[in-house]
Amino acid sequence: MPPAEKLNSLFEDLLAEMQLAPDRREAMLALPATNKWALICQHRLVEVSFYHVKFGFILWLLTFYLLFVEYCRKRERLVAVHWFKSPSFGSIN
């Protein structure tokens, strides 16, 4: 746990983020230091896990896109090969 001054500044930042009503804010400020530190740690954990969720989704989306592009390229080659091998290729329609 950080020193009291640092803890209070971190807790003030957390309360500013939460945008609480003034009476609730005063009640939160009256909490003991251990509870304040627990709330700060919990908030950081949620932020970090949400960051990983967003990053994981972006990574999944990028992987899906690359696989889809590769699938389309292979499909175009297959369609082109099939078109050249078809009996109607070269015939006048």
N, C-alpha and C. Protein backbone atom coordinates (compact mmCIF):
# COMPACT_ATOMS: atom_id res chain seq x y z
N MET A 1 0.85 -1.17 0.00
CA MET A 1 0.00 0.00 0.00
C MET A 1 0.90 1.24 0.00
N PRO A 2 0.55 2.22 -0.84
CA PRO A 2 1.38 3.43 -0.90
C PRO A 2 1.18 4.31 0.33
N PRO A 3 2.02 5.34 0.47
CA PRO A 3 1.86 6.27 1.60
C PRO A 3 0.49 6.97 1.53
N ALA A 4 0.09 7.54 2.64
CA ALA A 4 -1.25 8.13 2.78
C ALA A 4 -1.51 9.22 1.74
N GLU A 5 -0.53 10.08 1.48
CA GLU A 5 -0.73 11.17 0.52
C GLU A 5 -1.00 10.62 -0.89
N LYS A 6 -0.18 9.65 -1.30
CA LYS A 6 -0.34 9.04 -2.62
C LYS A 6 -1.67 8.29 -2.70
N LEU A 7 -2.02 7.58 -1.63
CA LEU A 7 -3.27 6.84 -1.58
C LEU A 7 -4.46 7.78 -1.73
N ASN A 8 -4.42 8.89 -1.01
CA ASN A 8 -5.53 9.85 -1.09
C ASN A 8 -5.63 10.47 -2.48
N SER A 9 -4.51 10.76 -3.12
CA SER A 9 -4.58 11.34 -4.47
C SER A 9 -5.13 10.31 -5.47
N LEU A 10 -4.71 9.04 -5.34
CA LEU A 10 -5.25 7.99 -6.21
C LEU A 10 -6.74 7.81 -5.98
N PHE A 11 -7.15 7.86 -4.71
CA PHE A 11 -8.56 7.68 -4.39
C PHE A 11 -9.38 8.86 -4.88
N GLU A 12 -8.83 10.06 -4.80
CA GLU A 12 -9.52 11.25 -5.34
C GLU A 12 -9.73 11.10 -6.85
N ASP A 13 -8.71 10.61 -7.55
CA ASP A 13 -8.85 10.38 -9.00
C ASP A 13 -9.94 9.35 -9.28
N LEU A 14 -9.98 8.30 -8.49
CA LEU A 14 -11.00 7.27 -8.66
C LEU A 14 -12.39 7.84 -8.42
N LEU A 15 -12.54 8.64 -7.38
CA LEU A 15 -13.84 9.24 -7.09
C LEU A 15 -14.26 10.23 -8.17
N ALA A 16 -13.30 10.94 -8.73
CA ALA A 16 -13.62 11.87 -9.82
C ALA A 16 -14.11 11.09 -11.04
N GLU A 17 -13.52 9.93 -11.28
CA GLU A 17 -13.95 9.09 -12.39
C GLU A 17 -15.35 8.55 -12.17
N MET A 18 -15.68 8.25 -10.93
CA MET A 18 -16.97 7.65 -10.61
C MET A 18 -18.12 8.66 -10.66
N GLN A 19 -17.83 9.93 -10.53
CA GLN A 19 -18.82 11.01 -10.58
C GLN A 19 -19.97 10.77 -9.61
N LEU A 20 -19.61 10.62 -8.35
CA LEU A 20 -20.60 10.36 -7.30
C LEU A 20 -21.25 11.65 -6.82
N ALA A 21 -22.40 11.49 -6.20
CA ALA A 21 -23.07 12.64 -5.55
C ALA A 21 -22.21 13.08 -4.37
N PRO A 22 -22.30 14.35 -3.98
CA PRO A 22 -21.42 14.87 -2.91
C PRO A 22 -21.54 14.10 -1.58
N ASP A 23 -22.76 13.70 -1.21
CA ASP A 23 -22.91 12.98 0.06
C ASP A 23 -22.25 11.60 0.00
N ARG A 24 -22.37 10.94 -1.13
CA ARG A 24 -21.73 9.62 -1.29
C ARG A 24 -20.21 9.76 -1.36
N ARG A 25 -19.78 10.86 -1.98
CA ARG A 25 -18.34 11.11 -2.08
C ARG A 25 -17.73 11.29 -0.69
N GLU A 26 -18.42 12.03 0.18
CA GLU A 26 -17.93 12.24 1.55
C GLU A 26 -17.91 10.92 2.32
N ALA A 27 -18.91 10.08 2.09
CA ALA A 27 -18.93 8.78 2.76
C ALA A 27 -17.76 7.92 2.28
N MET A 28 -17.45 7.98 0.99
CA MET A 28 -16.33 7.20 0.47
C MET A 28 -15.00 7.72 1.02
N LEU A 29 -14.88 9.02 1.17
CA LEU A 29 -13.64 9.60 1.71
C LEU A 29 -13.42 9.20 3.16
N ALA A 30 -14.50 8.86 3.88
CA ALA A 30 -14.39 8.48 5.28
C ALA A 30 -13.97 7.02 5.47
N LEU A 31 -13.85 6.28 4.39
CA LEU A 31 -13.46 4.87 4.49
C LEU A 31 -12.03 4.74 5.01
N PRO A 32 -11.71 3.62 5.66
CA PRO A 32 -10.33 3.40 6.10
C PRO A 32 -9.38 3.20 4.90
N ALA A 33 -8.12 3.36 5.15
CA ALA A 33 -7.12 3.30 4.08
C ALA A 33 -7.11 1.93 3.39
N THR A 34 -7.31 0.86 4.15
CA THR A 34 -7.29 -0.46 3.52
C THR A 34 -8.44 -0.63 2.53
N ASN A 35 -9.61 -0.10 2.88
CA ASN A 35 -10.74 -0.19 1.95
C ASN A 35 -10.52 0.68 0.71
N LYS A 36 -9.92 1.83 0.91
CA LYS A 36 -9.61 2.70 -0.24
C LYS A 36 -8.66 1.98 -1.19
N TRP A 37 -7.61 1.37 -0.60
CA TRP A 37 -6.63 0.69 -1.42
C TRP A 37 -7.25 -0.50 -2.15
N ALA A 38 -8.16 -1.21 -1.48
CA ALA A 38 -8.84 -2.35 -2.11
C ALA A 38 -9.68 -1.87 -3.30
N LEU A 39 -10.37 -0.76 -3.16
CA LEU A 39 -11.18 -0.22 -4.26
C LEU A 39 -10.31 0.22 -5.43
N ILE A 40 -9.18 0.84 -5.13
CA ILE A 40 -8.26 1.27 -6.19
C ILE A 40 -7.73 0.05 -6.95
N CYS A 41 -7.32 -0.98 -6.22
CA CYS A 41 -6.80 -2.19 -6.87
C CYS A 41 -7.87 -2.87 -7.71
N GLN A 42 -9.08 -2.93 -7.18
CA GLN A 42 -10.18 -3.55 -7.92
C GLN A 42 -10.47 -2.78 -9.20
N HIS A 43 -10.45 -1.46 -9.12
CA HIS A 43 -10.70 -0.63 -10.31
C HIS A 43 -9.61 -0.84 -11.35
N ARG A 44 -8.36 -0.91 -10.92
CA ARG A 44 -7.26 -1.15 -11.86
C ARG A 44 -7.38 -2.52 -12.51
N LEU A 45 -7.78 -3.52 -11.74
CA LEU A 45 -7.94 -4.87 -12.27
C LEU A 45 -9.02 -4.91 -13.35
N VAL A 46 -10.11 -4.20 -13.12
CA VAL A 46 -11.19 -4.14 -14.11
C VAL A 46 -10.69 -3.43 -15.37
N GLU A 47 -9.97 -2.34 -15.21
CA GLU A 47 -9.43 -1.62 -16.37
C GLU A 47 -8.49 -2.51 -17.18
N VAL A 48 -7.61 -3.22 -16.51
CA VAL A 48 -6.64 -4.07 -17.21
C VAL A 48 -7.35 -5.21 -17.91
N SER A 49 -8.31 -5.84 -17.23
CA SER A 49 -9.00 -6.97 -17.85
C SER A 49 -9.84 -6.49 -19.03
N PHE A 50 -10.44 -5.30 -18.94
CA PHE A 50 -11.21 -4.77 -20.06
C PHE A 50 -10.28 -4.45 -21.23
N TYR A 51 -9.08 -3.96 -20.94
CA TYR A 51 -8.10 -3.70 -22.00
C TYR A 51 -7.76 -5.00 -22.72
N HIS A 52 -7.55 -6.07 -21.95
CA HIS A 52 -7.22 -7.35 -22.56
C HIS A 52 -8.38 -7.89 -23.39
N VAL A 53 -9.60 -7.66 -22.94
CA VAL A 53 -10.76 -8.10 -23.71
C VAL A 53 -10.82 -7.35 -25.04
N LYS A 54 -10.62 -6.04 -24.99
CA LYS A 54 -10.63 -5.26 -26.23
C LYS A 54 -9.50 -5.69 -27.15
N PHE A 55 -8.31 -5.88 -26.59
CA PHE A 55 -7.17 -6.29 -27.39
C PHE A 55 -7.41 -7.68 -27.99
N GLY A 56 -7.97 -8.58 -27.19
CA GLY A 56 -8.26 -9.92 -27.68
C GLY A 56 -9.27 -9.91 -28.81
N PHE A 57 -10.29 -9.06 -28.69
CA PHE A 57 -11.30 -8.96 -29.74
C PHE A 57 -10.69 -8.41 -31.03
N ILE A 58 -9.86 -7.40 -30.91
CA ILE A 58 -9.21 -6.82 -32.09
C ILE A 58 -8.30 -7.85 -32.74
N LEU A 59 -7.57 -8.61 -31.93
CA LEU A 59 -6.70 -9.65 -32.46
C LEU A 59 -7.53 -10.73 -33.16
N TRP A 60 -8.65 -11.12 -32.56
CA TRP A 60 -9.53 -12.12 -33.17
C TRP A 60 -10.07 -11.59 -34.50
N LEU A 61 -10.49 -10.33 -34.52
CA LEU A 61 -11.04 -9.73 -35.73
C LEU A 61 -9.99 -9.68 -36.83
N LEU A 62 -8.78 -9.31 -36.49
CA LEU A 62 -7.70 -9.27 -37.47
C LEU A 62 -7.40 -10.66 -38.02
N THR A 63 -7.36 -11.65 -37.14
CA THR A 63 -7.11 -13.03 -37.58
C THR A 63 -8.22 -13.50 -38.50
N PHE A 64 -9.46 -13.22 -38.13
CA PHE A 64 -10.59 -13.61 -38.97
C PHE A 64 -10.50 -12.95 -40.34
N TYR A 65 -10.14 -11.67 -40.37
CA TYR A 65 -10.03 -10.95 -41.63
C TYR A 65 -8.94 -11.57 -42.51
N LEU A 66 -7.79 -11.86 -41.92
CA LEU A 66 -6.69 -12.44 -42.71
C LEU A 66 -7.06 -13.83 -43.24
N LEU A 67 -7.72 -14.63 -42.42
CA LEU A 67 -8.16 -15.94 -42.88
C LEU A 67 -9.19 -15.81 -44.00
N PHE A 68 -10.08 -14.84 -43.87
CA PHE A 68 -11.10 -14.62 -44.89
C PHE A 68 -10.46 -14.17 -46.21
N VAL A 69 -9.49 -13.29 -46.13
CA VAL A 69 -8.79 -12.83 -47.35
C VAL A 69 -8.09 -14.01 -48.01
N GLU A 70 -7.42 -14.84 -47.21
CA GLU A 70 -6.74 -16.00 -47.79
C GLU A 70 -7.76 -16.96 -48.42
N TYR A 71 -8.89 -17.17 -47.76
CA TYR A 71 -9.94 -18.03 -48.30
C TYR A 71 -10.44 -17.48 -49.65
N CYS A 72 -10.64 -16.17 -49.72
CA CYS A 72 -11.12 -15.56 -50.97
C CYS A 72 -10.08 -15.72 -52.08
N ARG A 73 -8.82 -15.56 -51.75
CA ARG A 73 -7.78 -15.73 -52.77
C ARG A 73 -7.75 -17.17 -53.29
N LYS A 74 -7.82 -18.13 -52.39
CA LYS A 74 -7.83 -19.53 -52.82
C LYS A 74 -9.08 -19.82 -53.65
N ARG A 75 -10.20 -19.28 -53.25
CA ARG A 75 -11.44 -19.50 -53.97
C ARG A 75 -11.35 -18.90 -55.37
N GLU A 76 -10.77 -17.72 -55.50
CA GLU A 76 -10.62 -17.11 -56.83
C GLU A 76 -9.75 -17.99 -57.72
N ARG A 77 -8.68 -18.55 -57.15
CA ARG A 77 -7.82 -19.43 -57.94
C ARG A 77 -8.59 -20.68 -58.37
N LEU A 78 -9.36 -21.24 -57.45
CA LEU A 78 -10.13 -22.43 -57.78
C LEU A 78 -11.18 -22.13 -58.86
N VAL A 79 -11.83 -20.98 -58.74
CA VAL A 79 -12.83 -20.60 -59.73
C VAL A 79 -12.16 -20.39 -61.08
N ALA A 80 -10.99 -19.74 -61.09
CA ALA A 80 -10.29 -19.49 -62.35
C ALA A 80 -9.84 -20.80 -62.97
N VAL A 81 -9.29 -21.73 -62.19
CA VAL A 81 -8.86 -23.02 -62.73
C VAL A 81 -10.06 -23.78 -63.26
N HIS A 82 -11.15 -23.77 -62.54
CA HIS A 82 -12.36 -24.46 -62.98
C HIS A 82 -12.87 -23.86 -64.28
N TRP A 83 -12.79 -22.53 -64.40
CA TRP A 83 -13.29 -21.86 -65.60
C TRP A 83 -12.44 -22.24 -66.82
N PHE A 84 -11.11 -22.30 -66.63
CA PHE A 84 -10.23 -22.66 -67.74
C PHE A 84 -10.40 -24.12 -68.15
N LYS A 85 -10.72 -24.99 -67.22
CA LYS A 85 -10.86 -26.40 -67.52
C LYS A 85 -12.27 -26.77 -68.01
N SER A 86 -13.18 -25.83 -67.96
CA SER A 86 -14.55 -26.16 -68.34
C SER A 86 -14.63 -26.39 -69.86
N PRO A 87 -15.54 -27.24 -70.29
CA PRO A 87 -15.66 -27.54 -71.73
C PRO A 87 -16.08 -26.32 -72.56
N SER A 88 -16.75 -25.37 -71.94
CA SER A 88 -17.20 -24.21 -72.71
C SER A 88 -16.10 -23.16 -72.88
N PHE A 89 -14.92 -23.37 -72.26
CA PHE A 89 -13.85 -22.39 -72.37
C PHE A 89 -13.36 -22.40 -73.83
N GLY A 90 -13.30 -21.26 -74.37
CA GLY A 90 -12.81 -21.11 -75.75
C GLY A 90 -13.91 -21.25 -76.78
N SER A 91 -15.08 -21.71 -76.37
CA SER A 91 -16.17 -21.81 -77.33
C SER A 91 -16.89 -20.48 -77.44
N ILE A 92 -17.50 -20.25 -78.54
CA ILE A 92 -18.23 -19.00 -78.76
C ILE A 92 -19.67 -19.23 -78.36
N ASN A 93 -20.15 -18.41 -77.47
CA ASN A 93 -21.55 -18.54 -77.00
C ASN A 93 -22.44 -17.57 -77.70
